[in-house]
PDB file of N, CA and C in Angstrom:
ATOM      1  N   MET A   1       0.290  -0.584   0.461  1.00  0.00           N
ATOM      2  CA  MET A   1       0.388   0.306   0.125  1.00  0.00           C
ATOM      3  C   MET A   1       0.806   1.390  -0.491  1.00  0.00           C
ATOM      4  N   SER A   2       0.935   2.128  -0.993  1.00  0.00           N
ATOM      5  CA  SER A   2       1.491   3.464  -0.773  1.00  0.00           C
ATOM      6  C   SER A   2       0.957   4.201  -0.388  1.00  0.00           C
ATOM      7  N   LEU A   3       2.001   5.042   0.495  1.00  0.00           N
ATOM      8  CA  LEU A   3       1.557   6.319   1.677  1.00  0.00           C
ATOM      9  C   LEU A   3       0.099   7.198   0.954  1.00  0.00           C
ATOM     10  N   GLU A   4      -0.436   7.319  -0.461  1.00  0.00           N
ATOM     11  CA  GLU A   4      -0.923   8.120  -0.833  1.00  0.00           C
ATOM     12  C   GLU A   4      -2.403   7.202  -0.711  1.00  0.00           C
ATOM     13  N   ALA A   5      -2.290   5.955  -0.164  1.00  0.00           N
ATOM     14  CA  ALA A   5      -3.373   5.059   0.152  1.00  0.00           C
ATOM     15  C   ALA A   5      -4.141   4.471   0.954  1.00  0.00           C
ATOM     16  N   ILE A   6      -3.104   5.624   1.695  1.00  0.00           N
ATOM     17  CA  ILE A   6      -3.261   5.033   3.627  1.00  0.00           C
ATOM     18  C   ILE A   6      -4.615   6.667   4.095  1.00  0.00           C
ATOM     19  N   TRP A   7      -5.504   5.656   4.861  1.00  0.00           N
ATOM     20  CA  TRP A   7      -6.511   6.864   4.685  1.00  0.00           C
ATOM     21  C   TRP A   7      -6.994   7.308   6.860  1.00  0.00           C
ATOM     22  N   ALA A   8      -6.569   8.445   6.953  1.00  0.00           N
ATOM     23  CA  ALA A   8      -6.781   8.207   8.256  1.00  0.00           C
ATOM     24  C   ALA A   8      -8.343   8.215   8.841  1.00  0.00           C
ATOM     25  N   LYS A   9      -9.128   8.753   7.542  1.00  0.00           N
ATOM     26  CA  LYS A   9     -10.678   8.776   8.003  1.00  0.00           C
ATOM     27  C   LYS A   9     -11.282   8.133   6.989  1.00  0.00           C
ATOM     28  N   SER A  10     -12.277   7.546   7.213  1.00  0.00           N
ATOM     29  CA  SER A  10     -13.297   6.921   6.771  1.00  0.00           C
ATOM     30  C   SER A  10     -13.851   8.334   5.787  1.00  0.00           C
ATOM     31  N   ALA A  11     -15.227   7.206   4.415  1.00  0.00           N
ATOM     32  CA  ALA A  11     -15.129   8.125   3.776  1.00  0.00           C
ATOM     33  C   ALA A  11     -16.447   8.839   3.909  1.00  0.00           C
ATOM     34  N   ARG A  12     -17.445  10.179   3.964  1.00  0.00           N
ATOM     35  CA  ARG A  12     -17.982  11.037   3.800  1.00  0.00           C
ATOM     36  C   ARG A  12     -19.134  11.628   3.320  1.00  0.00           C
ATOM     37  N   GLY A  13     -20.228  11.333   3.590  1.00  0.00           N
ATOM     38  CA  GLY A  13     -20.992  11.921   3.122  1.00  0.00           C
ATOM     39  C   GLY A  13     -21.214  12.087   1.802  1.00  0.00           C
ATOM     40  N   GLY A  14     -21.620  10.542   1.235  1.00  0.00           N
ATOM     41  CA  GLY A  14     -21.098   9.489   0.083  1.00  0.00           C
ATOM     42  C   GLY A  14     -20.081   9.598  -0.170  1.00  0.00           C
ATOM     43  N   ALA A  15     -18.605  10.198  -0.193  1.00  0.00           N
ATOM     44  CA  ALA A  15     -17.433  10.201  -1.056  1.00  0.00           C
ATOM     45  C   ALA A  15     -17.163   9.518  -0.809  1.00  0.00           C
ATOM     46  N   THR A  16     -15.984   8.811  -2.203  1.00  0.00           N
ATOM     47  CA  THR A  16     -15.515   7.196  -2.008  1.00  0.00           C
ATOM     48  C   THR A  16     -14.174   6.975  -1.262  1.00  0.00           C
ATOM     49  N   ALA A  17     -13.764   8.382  -1.058  1.00  0.00           N
ATOM     50  CA  ALA A  17     -12.199   8.138  -0.994  1.00  0.00           C
ATOM     51  C   ALA A  17     -12.442   9.071   0.525  1.00  0.00           C
ATOM     52  N   GLY A  18     -12.160   7.610   1.773  1.00  0.00           N
ATOM     53  CA  GLY A  18     -11.260   9.410   3.532  1.00  0.00           C
ATOM     54  C   GLY A  18     -10.417   9.810   3.062  1.00  0.00           C
ATOM     55  N   GLU A  19     -10.684  10.266   4.200  1.00  0.00           N
ATOM     56  CA  GLU A  19      -9.554  11.835   4.239  1.00  0.00           C
ATOM     57  C   GLU A  19      -8.484  10.700   4.118  1.00  0.00           C
ATOM     58  N   THR A  20      -7.350  11.468   3.480  1.00  0.00           N
ATOM     59  CA  THR A  20      -5.743  10.764   3.744  1.00  0.00           C
ATOM     60  C   THR A  20      -5.138  11.555   4.775  1.00  0.00           C
ATOM     61  N   LEU A  21      -4.000  10.328   4.806  1.00  0.00           N
ATOM     62  CA  LEU A  21      -2.993  10.107   6.259  1.00  0.00           C
ATOM     63  C   LEU A  21      -2.852  11.926   5.664  1.00  0.00           C
ATOM     64  N   GLU A  22      -2.640  11.559   4.887  1.00  0.00           N
ATOM     65  CA  GLU A  22      -0.716  12.534   4.267  1.00  0.00           C
ATOM     66  C   GLU A  22      -2.357  13.602   4.715  1.00  0.00           C
ATOM     67  N   ALA A  23      -3.076  14.170   4.116  1.00  0.00           N
ATOM     68  CA  ALA A  23      -4.206  15.496   4.217  1.00  0.00           C
ATOM     69  C   ALA A  23      -3.886  15.512   6.353  1.00  0.00           C
ATOM     70  N   HIS A  24      -4.673  14.985   6.197  1.00  0.00           N
ATOM     71  CA  HIS A  24      -5.462  14.637   8.098  1.00  0.00           C
ATOM     72  C   HIS A  24      -3.788  14.628   8.347  1.00  0.00           C
ATOM     73  N   THR A  25      -2.502  14.692   8.711  1.00  0.00           N
ATOM     74  CA  THR A  25      -1.017  15.161   9.589  1.00  0.00           C
ATOM     75  C   THR A  25      -0.723  16.977   8.950  1.00  0.00           C
ATOM     76  N   ARG A  26      -1.290  16.564   7.463  1.00  0.00           N
ATOM     77  CA  ARG A  26      -0.869  18.698   7.004  1.00  0.00           C
ATOM     78  C   ARG A  26      -1.147  19.207   7.928  1.00  0.00           C
ATOM     79  N   SER A  27      -2.847  19.468   7.708  1.00  0.00           N
ATOM     80  CA  SER A  27      -4.475  19.838   7.894  1.00  0.00           C
ATOM     81  C   SER A  27      -3.372  20.090   9.883  1.00  0.00           C
ATOM     82  N   CYS A  28      -3.655  19.062  10.745  1.00  0.00           N
ATOM     83  CA  CYS A  28      -3.269  19.094  12.240  1.00  0.00           C
ATOM     84  C   CYS A  28      -2.026  19.932  11.902  1.00  0.00           C
ATOM     85  N   LEU A  29      -1.093  19.749  12.028  1.00  0.00           N
ATOM     86  CA  LEU A  29       0.118  20.525  11.126  1.00  0.00           C
ATOM     87  C   LEU A  29       0.257  22.200  11.524  1.00  0.00           C
ATOM     88  N   ALA A  30      -0.795  21.505   9.986  1.00  0.00           N
ATOM     89  CA  ALA A  30      -1.279  23.270  10.270  1.00  0.00           C
ATOM     90  C   ALA A  30      -2.308  24.733  11.701  1.00  0.00           C
ATOM     91  N   VAL A  31      -3.136  23.407  12.364  1.00  0.00           N
ATOM     92  CA  VAL A  31      -3.588  23.294  12.828  1.00  0.00           C
ATOM     93  C   VAL A  31      -2.138  24.249  13.998  1.00  0.00           C
ATOM     94  N   LEU A  32      -1.549  23.658  14.563  1.00  0.00           N
ATOM     95  CA  LEU A  32      -0.454  24.271  15.258  1.00  0.00           C
ATOM     96  C   LEU A  32       0.583  24.458  15.411  1.00  0.00           C
ATOM     97  N   ALA A  33       0.813  25.223  13.991  1.00  0.00           N
ATOM     98  CA  ALA A  33       1.517  26.164  13.744  1.00  0.00           C
ATOM     99  C   ALA A  33       0.793  27.529  14.154  1.00  0.00           C
ATOM    100  N   ARG A  34      -0.439  27.350  13.168  1.00  0.00           N
ATOM    101  CA  ARG A  34      -0.948  29.067  14.106  1.00  0.00           C
ATOM    102  C   ARG A  34      -1.025  28.954  15.265  1.00  0.00           C
ATOM    103  N   TRP A  35      -2.193  28.011  16.566  1.00  0.00           N
ATOM    104  CA  TRP A  35      -1.474  27.831  17.881  1.00  0.00           C
ATOM    105  C   TRP A  35      -0.223  28.784  18.768  1.00  0.00           C
ATOM    106  N   ALA A  36       1.471  28.126  17.600  1.00  0.00           N
ATOM    107  CA  ALA A  36       2.602  28.031  18.000  1.00  0.00           C
ATOM    108  C   ALA A  36       3.009  29.826  17.619  1.00  0.00           C
ATOM    109  N   SER A  37       2.433  30.154  16.641  1.00  0.00           N
ATOM    110  CA  SER A  37       2.430  31.719  16.222  1.00  0.00           C
ATOM    111  C   SER A  37       1.352  32.271  16.776  1.00  0.00           C
ATOM    112  N   ARG A  38       0.531  31.748  17.156  1.00  0.00           N
ATOM    113  CA  ARG A  38       0.143  33.208  18.343  1.00  0.00           C
ATOM    114  C   ARG A  38       0.039  32.712  19.691  1.00  0.00           C
ATOM    115  N   LEU A  39       0.902  31.554  20.564  1.00  0.00           N
ATOM    116  CA  LEU A  39       1.520  31.798  21.559  1.00  0.00           C
ATOM    117  C   LEU A  39       2.969  31.381  21.511  1.00  0.00           C
ATOM    118  N   ARG A  40       4.195  32.080  21.638  1.00  0.00           N
ATOM    119  CA  ARG A  40       5.370  32.608  20.863  1.00  0.00           C
ATOM    120  C   ARG A  40       5.475  32.022  22.640  1.00  0.00           C
ATOM    121  N   GLY A  41       5.509  32.825  23.950  1.00  0.00           N
ATOM    122  CA  GLY A  41       5.739  33.190  24.646  1.00  0.00           C
ATOM    123  C   GLY A  41       5.742  31.472  25.139  1.00  0.00           C
ATOM    124  N   VAL A  42       4.659  31.154  25.099  1.00  0.00           N
ATOM    125  CA  VAL A  42       3.737  29.912  25.837  1.00  0.00           C
ATOM    126  C   VAL A  42       5.486  28.395  26.012  1.00  0.00           C
ATOM    127  N   SER A  43       6.520  27.913  24.777  1.00  0.00           N
ATOM    128  CA  SER A  43       7.340  27.158  25.371  1.00  0.00           C
ATOM    129  C   SER A  43       8.503  28.042  26.536  1.00  0.00           C
ATOM    130  N   ALA A  44       8.634  29.456  26.387  1.00  0.00           N
ATOM    131  CA  ALA A  44      10.092  29.787  27.735  1.00  0.00           C
ATOM    132  C   ALA A  44       9.643  29.037  28.303  1.00  0.00           C
ATOM    133  N   VAL A  45       7.830  29.255  28.949  1.00  0.00           N
ATOM    134  CA  VAL A  45       7.409  29.175  30.692  1.00  0.00           C
ATOM    135  C   VAL A  45       7.192  27.631  31.050  1.00  0.00           C
ATOM    136  N   ARG A  46       7.791  26.902  30.356  1.00  0.00           N
ATOM    137  CA  ARG A  46       8.014  25.182  30.511  1.00  0.00           C
ATOM    138  C   ARG A  46       9.291  24.503  30.291  1.00  0.00           C
ATOM    139  N   SER A  47       9.305  24.286  28.679  1.00  0.00           N
ATOM    140  CA  SER A  47       9.969  24.542  27.467  1.00  0.00           C
ATOM    141  C   SER A  47      10.613  24.964  26.698  1.00  0.00           C
ATOM    142  N   ASP A  48      11.842  25.583  26.528  1.00  0.00           N
ATOM    143  CA  ASP A  48      12.336  25.909  25.331  1.00  0.00           C
ATOM    144  C   ASP A  48      11.934  24.036  23.540  1.00  0.00           C
ATOM    145  N   ARG A  49      11.767  23.258  24.425  1.00  0.00           N
ATOM    146  CA  ARG A  49      10.973  22.756  23.047  1.00  0.00           C
ATOM    147  C   ARG A  49       9.619  22.010  23.121  1.00  0.00           C
ATOM    148  N   LEU A  50       9.034  23.181  23.295  1.00  0.00           N
ATOM    149  CA  LEU A  50       7.988  22.262  23.813  1.00  0.00           C
ATOM    150  C   LEU A  50       7.420  21.832  21.745  1.00  0.00           C
ATOM    151  N   TRP A  51       7.328  22.986  20.942  1.00  0.00           N
ATOM    152  CA  TRP A  51       7.181  22.706  19.554  1.00  0.00           C
ATOM    153  C   TRP A  51       7.603  22.335  19.073  1.00  0.00           C
ATOM    154  N   HIS A  52       9.024  21.917  19.864  1.00  0.00           N
ATOM    155  CA  HIS A  52       9.674  20.839  18.651  1.00  0.00           C
ATOM    156  C   HIS A  52       9.017  19.500  18.830  1.00  0.00           C
ATOM    157  N   ARG A  53       8.904  18.736  20.593  1.00  0.00           N
ATOM    158  CA  ARG A  53       8.072  17.853  21.218  1.00  0.00           C
ATOM    159  C   ARG A  53       6.451  18.008  19.794  1.00  0.00           C
ATOM    160  N   ALA A  54       6.465  19.010  20.527  1.00  0.00           N
ATOM    161  CA  ALA A  54       4.510  19.280  19.360  1.00  0.00           C
ATOM    162  C   ALA A  54       4.245  18.820  18.015  1.00  0.00           C
ATOM    163  N   ALA A  55       5.193  19.027  17.249  1.00  0.00           N
ATOM    164  CA  ALA A  55       5.671  19.147  16.423  1.00  0.00           C
ATOM    165  C   ALA A  55       5.144  17.766  15.798  1.00  0.00           C
ATOM    166  N   TRP A  56       6.587  16.812  16.144  1.00  0.00           N
ATOM    167  CA  TRP A  56       6.743  15.727  15.672  1.00  0.00           C
ATOM    168  C   TRP A  56       5.557  14.613  16.951  1.00  0.00           C
ATOM    169  N   SER A  57       5.024  15.105  17.645  1.00  0.00           N
ATOM    170  CA  SER A  57       3.503  14.210  18.468  1.00  0.00           C
ATOM    171  C   SER A  57       2.232  14.404  16.569  1.00  0.00           C
ATOM    172  N   VAL A  58       2.434  15.548  16.489  1.00  0.00           N
ATOM    173  CA  VAL A  58       1.508  15.968  15.296  1.00  0.00           C
ATOM    174  C   VAL A  58       1.689  15.265  15.057  1.00  0.00           C
ATOM    175  N   GLY A  59       2.687  15.205  14.655  1.00  0.00           N
ATOM    176  CA  GLY A  59       3.075  14.528  13.393  1.00  0.00           C
ATOM    177  C   GLY A  59       2.913  13.358  12.911  1.00  0.00           C
ATOM    178  N   LEU A  60       3.931  12.369  14.073  1.00  0.00           N
ATOM    179  CA  LEU A  60       3.462  10.288  14.464  1.00  0.00           C
ATOM    180  C   LEU A  60       1.798   9.997  14.552  1.00  0.00           C
ATOM    181  N   HIS A  61       1.177  10.884  15.443  1.00  0.00           N
ATOM    182  CA  HIS A  61       0.003  10.402  16.077  1.00  0.00           C
ATOM    183  C   HIS A  61      -1.325   9.726  15.118  1.00  0.00           C
ATOM    184  N   ASP A  62      -1.121   9.582  14.303  1.00  0.00           N
ATOM    185  CA  ASP A  62      -1.766   8.773  13.527  1.00  0.00           C
ATOM    186  C   ASP A  62      -1.413   7.641  12.729  1.00  0.00           C
ATOM    187  N   MET A  63      -0.325   7.502  12.790  1.00  0.00           N
ATOM    188  CA  MET A  63      -0.185   6.302  11.941  1.00  0.00           C
ATOM    189  C   MET A  63      -0.502   5.054  12.236  1.00  0.00           C
ATOM    190  N   GLY A  64      -0.001   4.602  13.336  1.00  0.00           N
ATOM    191  CA  GLY A  64      -0.247   3.830  13.575  1.00  0.00           C
ATOM    192  C   GLY A  64      -2.221   3.330  13.084  1.00  0.00           C
ATOM    193  N   LYS A  65      -2.173   4.502  12.418  1.00  0.00           N
ATOM    194  CA  LYS A  65      -3.432   4.382  11.397  1.00  0.00           C
ATOM    195  C   LYS A  65      -3.662   2.940  10.283  1.00  0.00           C
ATOM    196  N   ALA A  66      -1.630   3.399  10.376  1.00  0.00           N
ATOM    197  CA  ALA A  66      -1.979   3.040   9.073  1.00  0.00           C
ATOM    198  C   ALA A  66      -1.653   1.136   8.681  1.00  0.00           C
ATOM    199  N   ALA A  67      -2.297   0.094  10.010  1.00  0.00           N
ATOM    200  CA  ALA A  67      -2.248  -1.027  10.379  1.00  0.00           C
ATOM    201  C   ALA A  67      -2.993  -1.623   9.443  1.00  0.00           C
ATOM    202  N   LEU A  68      -3.267  -2.539   8.410  1.00  0.00           N
ATOM    203  CA  LEU A  68      -3.616  -3.190   7.160  1.00  0.00           C
ATOM    204  C   LEU A  68      -5.740  -3.211   7.948  1.00  0.00           C
ATOM    205  N   PRO A  69      -5.567  -3.971   9.104  1.00  0.00           N
ATOM    206  CA  PRO A  69      -7.080  -4.204   9.281  1.00  0.00           C
ATOM    207  C   PRO A  69      -7.272  -3.086  10.242  1.00  0.00           C
ATOM    208  N   PHE A  70      -6.381  -1.947   9.827  1.00  0.00           N
ATOM    209  CA  PHE A  70      -7.872  -0.561  10.742  1.00  0.00           C
ATOM    210  C   PHE A  70      -7.978   0.003   9.195  1.00  0.00           C
ATOM    211  N   GLN A  71      -7.917  -0.404   8.408  1.00  0.00           N
ATOM    212  CA  GLN A  71      -7.249   0.569   7.124  1.00  0.00           C
ATOM    213  C   GLN A  71      -8.254  -0.092   6.020  1.00  0.00           C
ATOM    214  N   ALA A  72      -8.810  -1.197   6.748  1.00  0.00           N
ATOM    215  CA  ALA A  72      -9.512  -2.594   6.596  1.00  0.00           C
ATOM    216  C   ALA A  72     -10.831  -1.965   6.181  1.00  0.00           C
ATOM    217  N   HIS A  73     -10.562  -1.590   7.850  1.00  0.00           N
ATOM    218  CA  HIS A  73     -12.156  -1.059   7.698  1.00  0.00           C
ATOM    219  C   HIS A  73     -12.694   0.085   8.088  1.00  0.00           C
ATOM    220  N   LEU A  74     -11.871   0.991   8.125  1.00  0.00           N
ATOM    221  CA  LEU A  74     -11.943   2.329   7.477  1.00  0.00           C
ATOM    222  C   LEU A  74     -12.416   2.328   5.440  1.00  0.00           C
ATOM    223  N   ARG A  75     -11.896   1.135   4.388  1.00  0.00           N
ATOM    224  CA  ARG A  75     -12.478   1.849   3.634  1.00  0.00           C
ATOM    225  C   ARG A  75     -13.495   0.040   3.816  1.00  0.00           C
ATOM    226  N   ASP A  76     -14.058  -0.263   4.684  1.00  0.00           N
ATOM    227  CA  ASP A  76     -15.534  -0.953   5.056  1.00  0.00           C
ATOM    228  C   ASP A  76     -15.955  -1.345   5.960  1.00  0.00           C
ATOM    229  N   PRO A  77     -16.932  -0.950   6.496  1.00  0.00           N
ATOM    230  CA  PRO A  77     -17.658  -0.885   7.656  1.00  0.00           C
ATOM    231  C   PRO A  77     -18.533  -1.856   8.213  1.00  0.00           C
ATOM    232  N   ALA A  78     -18.843  -3.198   7.428  1.00  0.00           N
ATOM    233  CA  ALA A  78     -18.898  -3.544   7.849  1.00  0.00           C
ATOM    234  C   ALA A  78     -16.829  -5.286   8.211  1.00  0.00           C
ATOM    235  N   LEU A  79     -17.052  -5.181   8.081  1.00  0.00           N
ATOM    236  CA  LEU A  79     -15.102  -5.714   7.986  1.00  0.00           C
ATOM    237  C   LEU A  79     -15.601  -5.880   9.623  1.00  0.00           C
ATOM    238  N   PRO A  80     -14.448  -6.674  10.643  1.00  0.00           N
ATOM    239  CA  PRO A  80     -14.882  -6.452  12.272  1.00  0.00           C
ATOM    240  C   PRO A  80     -13.407  -5.290  12.086  1.00  0.00           C
ATOM    241  N   ARG A  81     -14.021  -4.954  13.817  1.00  0.00           N
ATOM    242  CA  ARG A  81     -13.489  -3.613  13.364  1.00  0.00           C
ATOM    243  C   ARG A  81     -11.859  -3.939  13.960  1.00  0.00           C
ATOM    244  N   TRP A  82     -10.964  -3.270  14.218  1.00  0.00           N
ATOM    245  CA  TRP A  82      -9.534  -3.468  14.958  1.00  0.00           C
ATOM    246  C   TRP A  82      -9.996  -3.374  15.958  1.00  0.00           C
ATOM    247  N   ASP A  83      -8.913  -5.080  16.428  1.00  0.00           N
ATOM    248  CA  ASP A  83      -8.988  -4.374  17.963  1.00  0.00           C
ATOM    249  C   ASP A  83      -8.794  -4.026  19.224  1.00  0.00           C
ATOM    250  N   HIS A  84      -7.574  -2.699  18.361  1.00  0.00           N
ATOM    251  CA  HIS A  84      -6.206  -1.980  18.364  1.00  0.00           C
ATOM    252  C   HIS A  84      -6.041  -0.548  19.103  1.00  0.00           C
ATOM    253  N   ARG A  85      -5.490  -0.242  20.497  1.00  0.00           N
ATOM    254  CA  ARG A  85      -5.811   1.223  19.737  1.00  0.00           C
ATOM    255  C   ARG A  85      -5.296   1.801  18.339  1.00  0.00           C
ATOM    256  N   HIS A  86      -4.998   2.944  17.862  1.00  0.00           N
ATOM    257  CA  HIS A  86      -4.524   3.314  17.234  1.00  0.00           C
ATOM    258  C   HIS A  86      -2.671   4.103  17.495  1.00  0.00           C
ATOM    259  N   GLU A  87      -3.161   5.182  18.694  1.00  0.00           N
ATOM    260  CA  GLU A  87      -2.788   5.145  19.697  1.00  0.00           C
ATOM    261  C   GLU A  87      -1.426   5.112  19.654  1.00  0.00           C
ATOM    262  N   VAL A  88      -1.732   3.418  20.307  1.00  0.00           N
ATOM    263  CA  VAL A  88      -0.483   2.779  20.508  1.00  0.00           C
ATOM    264  C   VAL A  88       0.236   2.721  19.430  1.00  0.00           C
ATOM    265  N   ALA A  89      -0.456   1.745  18.530  1.00  0.00           N
ATOM    266  CA  ALA A  89       0.080   1.401  17.676  1.00  0.00           C
ATOM    267  C   ALA A  89       1.919   2.671  17.017  1.00  0.00           C
ATOM    268  N   SER A  90       0.980   4.219  16.945  1.00  0.00           N
ATOM    269  CA  SER A  90       1.380   4.780  16.359  1.00  0.00           C
ATOM    270  C   SER A  90       2.471   5.091  17.258  1.00  0.00           C
ATOM    271  N   LEU A  91       2.547   4.453  18.687  1.00  0.00           N
ATOM    272  CA  LEU A  91       4.364   4.423  19.493  1.00  0.00           C
ATOM    273  C   LEU A  91       4.971   3.943  19.012  1.00  0.00           C
ATOM    274  N   ALA A  92       5.361   3.451  18.292  1.00  0.00           N
ATOM    275  CA  ALA A  92       5.769   2.443  17.821  1.00  0.00           C
ATOM    276  C   ALA A  92       7.167   3.472  16.307  1.00  0.00           C
ATOM    277  N   PHE A  93       6.064   4.291  15.515  1.00  0.00           N
ATOM    278  CA  PHE A  93       7.584   5.054  15.105  1.00  0.00           C
ATOM    279  C   PHE A  93       8.110   6.174  15.650  1.00  0.00           C
ATOM    280  N   VAL A  94       7.413   6.540  17.004  1.00  0.00           N
ATOM    281  CA  VAL A  94       8.460   8.176  17.794  1.00  0.00           C
ATOM    282  C   VAL A  94      10.194   7.277  18.249  1.00  0.00           C
ATOM    283  N   PRO A  95      10.211   6.517  17.980  1.00  0.00           N
ATOM    284  CA  PRO A  95      11.595   6.231  17.904  1.00  0.00           C
ATOM    285  C   PRO A  95      12.817   6.491  15.803  1.00  0.00           C
ATOM    286  N   TRP A  96      11.766   6.729  15.811  1.00  0.00           N
ATOM    287  CA  TRP A  96      12.190   7.276  13.584  1.00  0.00           C
ATOM    288  C   TRP A  96      12.810   8.494  14.632  1.00  0.00           C
ATOM    289  N   VAL A  97      12.498   9.432  15.910  1.00  0.00           N
ATOM    290  CA  VAL A  97      12.522  11.424  15.666  1.00  0.00           C
ATOM    291  C   VAL A  97      13.005  11.236  16.697  1.00  0.00           C
ATOM    292  N   ALA A  98      13.267  10.232  18.015  1.00  0.00           N
ATOM    293  CA  ALA A  98      13.740  10.528  19.446  1.00  0.00           C
ATOM    294  C   ALA A  98      13.970   9.490  20.031  1.00  0.00           C
ATOM    295  N   ARG A  99      15.040   9.143  20.933  1.00  0.00           N
ATOM    296  CA  ARG A  99      16.004   8.270  21.172  1.00  0.00           C
ATOM    297  C   ARG A  99      14.313   8.100  22.911  1.00  0.00           C
ATOM    298  N   PRO A 100      13.923   7.345  23.094  1.00  0.00           N
ATOM    299  CA  PRO A 100      14.009   5.712  24.284  1.00  0.00           C
ATOM    300  C   PRO A 100      14.642   7.262  26.039  1.00  0.00           C
ATOM    301  N   GLU A 101      15.796   7.274  25.908  1.00  0.00           N
ATOM    302  CA  GLU A 101      15.947   7.739  27.214  1.00  0.00           C
ATOM    303  C   GLU A 101      16.276   9.691  27.574  1.00  0.00           C
ATOM    304  N   THR A 102      15.587   9.612  25.565  1.00  0.00           N
ATOM    305  CA  THR A 102      15.880  12.174  26.375  1.00  0.00           C
ATOM    306  C   THR A 102      13.968  12.142  26.850  1.00  0.00           C
ATOM    307  N   GLU A 103      14.131  12.511  27.177  1.00  0.00           N
ATOM    308  CA  GLU A 103      12.659  13.438  27.682  1.00  0.00           C
ATOM    309  C   GLU A 103      12.252  13.928  26.999  1.00  0.00           C
ATOM    310  N   ASP A 104      12.406  13.355  25.329  1.00  0.00           N
ATOM    311  CA  ASP A 104      11.054  14.485  23.562  1.00  0.00           C
ATOM    312  C   ASP A 104      10.736  13.417  23.944  1.00  0.00           C
ATOM    313  N   TYR A 105      11.839  11.812  24.423  1.00  0.00           N
ATOM    314  CA  TYR A 105      10.850  10.979  23.291  1.00  0.00           C
ATOM    315  C   TYR A 105       9.235  10.561  25.005  1.00  0.00           C
ATOM    316  N   ALA A 106       9.538  10.748  26.201  1.00  0.00           N
ATOM    317  CA  ALA A 106       8.195  10.592  26.690  1.00  0.00           C
ATOM    318  C   ALA A 106       7.496  11.149  26.370  1.00  0.00           C
ATOM    319  N   TRP A 107       7.649  12.520  26.580  1.00  0.00           N
ATOM    320  CA  TRP A 107       7.322  14.598  25.726  1.00  0.00           C
ATOM    321  C   TRP A 107       6.012  13.352  24.596  1.00  0.00           C
ATOM    322  N   ILE A 108       6.971  12.861  23.543  1.00  0.00           N
ATOM    323  CA  ILE A 108       5.794  12.971  22.662  1.00  0.00           C
ATOM    324  C   ILE A 108       5.248  11.641  22.574  1.00  0.00           C
ATOM    325  N   CYS A 109       5.596  10.325  23.313  1.00  0.00           N
ATOM    326  CA  CYS A 109       4.718   9.249  23.408  1.00  0.00           C
ATOM    327  C   CYS A 109       3.400   9.131  24.281  1.00  0.00           C
ATOM    328  N   ALA A 110       4.146   9.910  25.388  1.00  0.00           N
ATOM    329  CA  ALA A 110       2.762   9.975  27.021  1.00  0.00           C
ATOM    330  C   ALA A 110       1.792  12.052  25.003  1.00  0.00           C
ATOM    331  N   THR A 111       1.844  11.965  25.159  1.00  0.00           N
ATOM    332  CA  THR A 111       0.887  12.742  23.700  1.00  0.00           C
ATOM    333  C   THR A 111       0.341  12.738  23.031  1.00  0.00           C
ATOM    334  N   ILE A 112       0.244  11.173  22.067  1.00  0.00           N
ATOM    335  CA  ILE A 112      -0.296  10.990  21.593  1.00  0.00           C
ATOM    336  C   ILE A 112       0.136   9.588  22.104  1.00  0.00           C
ATOM    337  N   ALA A 113      -0.153   9.182  23.932  1.00  0.00           N
ATOM    338  CA  ALA A 113      -1.210   8.256  23.292  1.00  0.00           C
ATOM    339  C   ALA A 113      -1.626   8.286  24.372  1.00  0.00           C
ATOM    340  N   SER A 114      -2.516  10.398  24.590  1.00  0.00           N
ATOM    341  CA  SER A 114      -3.659  10.841  25.634  1.00  0.00           C
ATOM    342  C   SER A 114      -4.446  11.314  23.983  1.00  0.00           C
ATOM    343  N   HIS A 115      -4.020  11.389  22.898  1.00  0.00           N
ATOM    344  CA  HIS A 115      -4.341  11.709  22.103  1.00  0.00           C
ATOM    345  C   HIS A 115      -5.488  11.596  21.842  1.00  0.00           C
ATOM    346  N   HIS A 116      -6.598  11.040  21.910  1.00  0.00           N
ATOM    347  CA  HIS A 116      -8.348  10.617  22.459  1.00  0.00           C
ATOM    348  C   HIS A 116      -8.285  10.334  24.078  1.00  0.00           C
ATOM    349  N   LYS A 117      -9.488  11.527  23.928  1.00  0.00           N
ATOM    350  CA  LYS A 117     -10.435  11.296  25.264  1.00  0.00           C
ATOM    351  C   LYS A 117     -10.953  10.406  25.923  1.00  0.00           C
ATOM    352  N   GLU A 118     -11.198  10.051  24.912  1.00  0.00           N
ATOM    353  CA  GLU A 118     -11.755   7.967  26.031  1.00  0.00           C
ATOM    354  C   GLU A 118     -10.617   6.929  25.616  1.00  0.00           C
ATOM    355  N   ALA A 119      -9.292   7.252  25.427  1.00  0.00           N
ATOM    356  CA  ALA A 119      -8.580   6.785  25.709  1.00  0.00           C
ATOM    357  C   ALA A 119      -7.800   6.698  28.024  1.00  0.00           C
TER     358      ALA A 119
END
């Protein structure tokens, strides 16, 4: 499956295709960029790495949706739901951007794992 074929959201309102993971991630990063612009001084309060960590968290937060069973259910809701949380699967990608012994790793993992209120 190519990157362009990975969906983040199922098809809605009669559409034949869902929102791609790439489009969804770009949209989320654009929102983060607006927040960072409006809240420039926030990072100095707690960490000078806040926006760095936030950007990686947003960039990786839904990567677990690439799992084939998740993709199958997005395309055909009649298929069984995947019995795993996509957020947890997304954590597998964090070592691509942060070493496990770093604070960045801990912050990025915590953000990804908790990005859904029902989690």
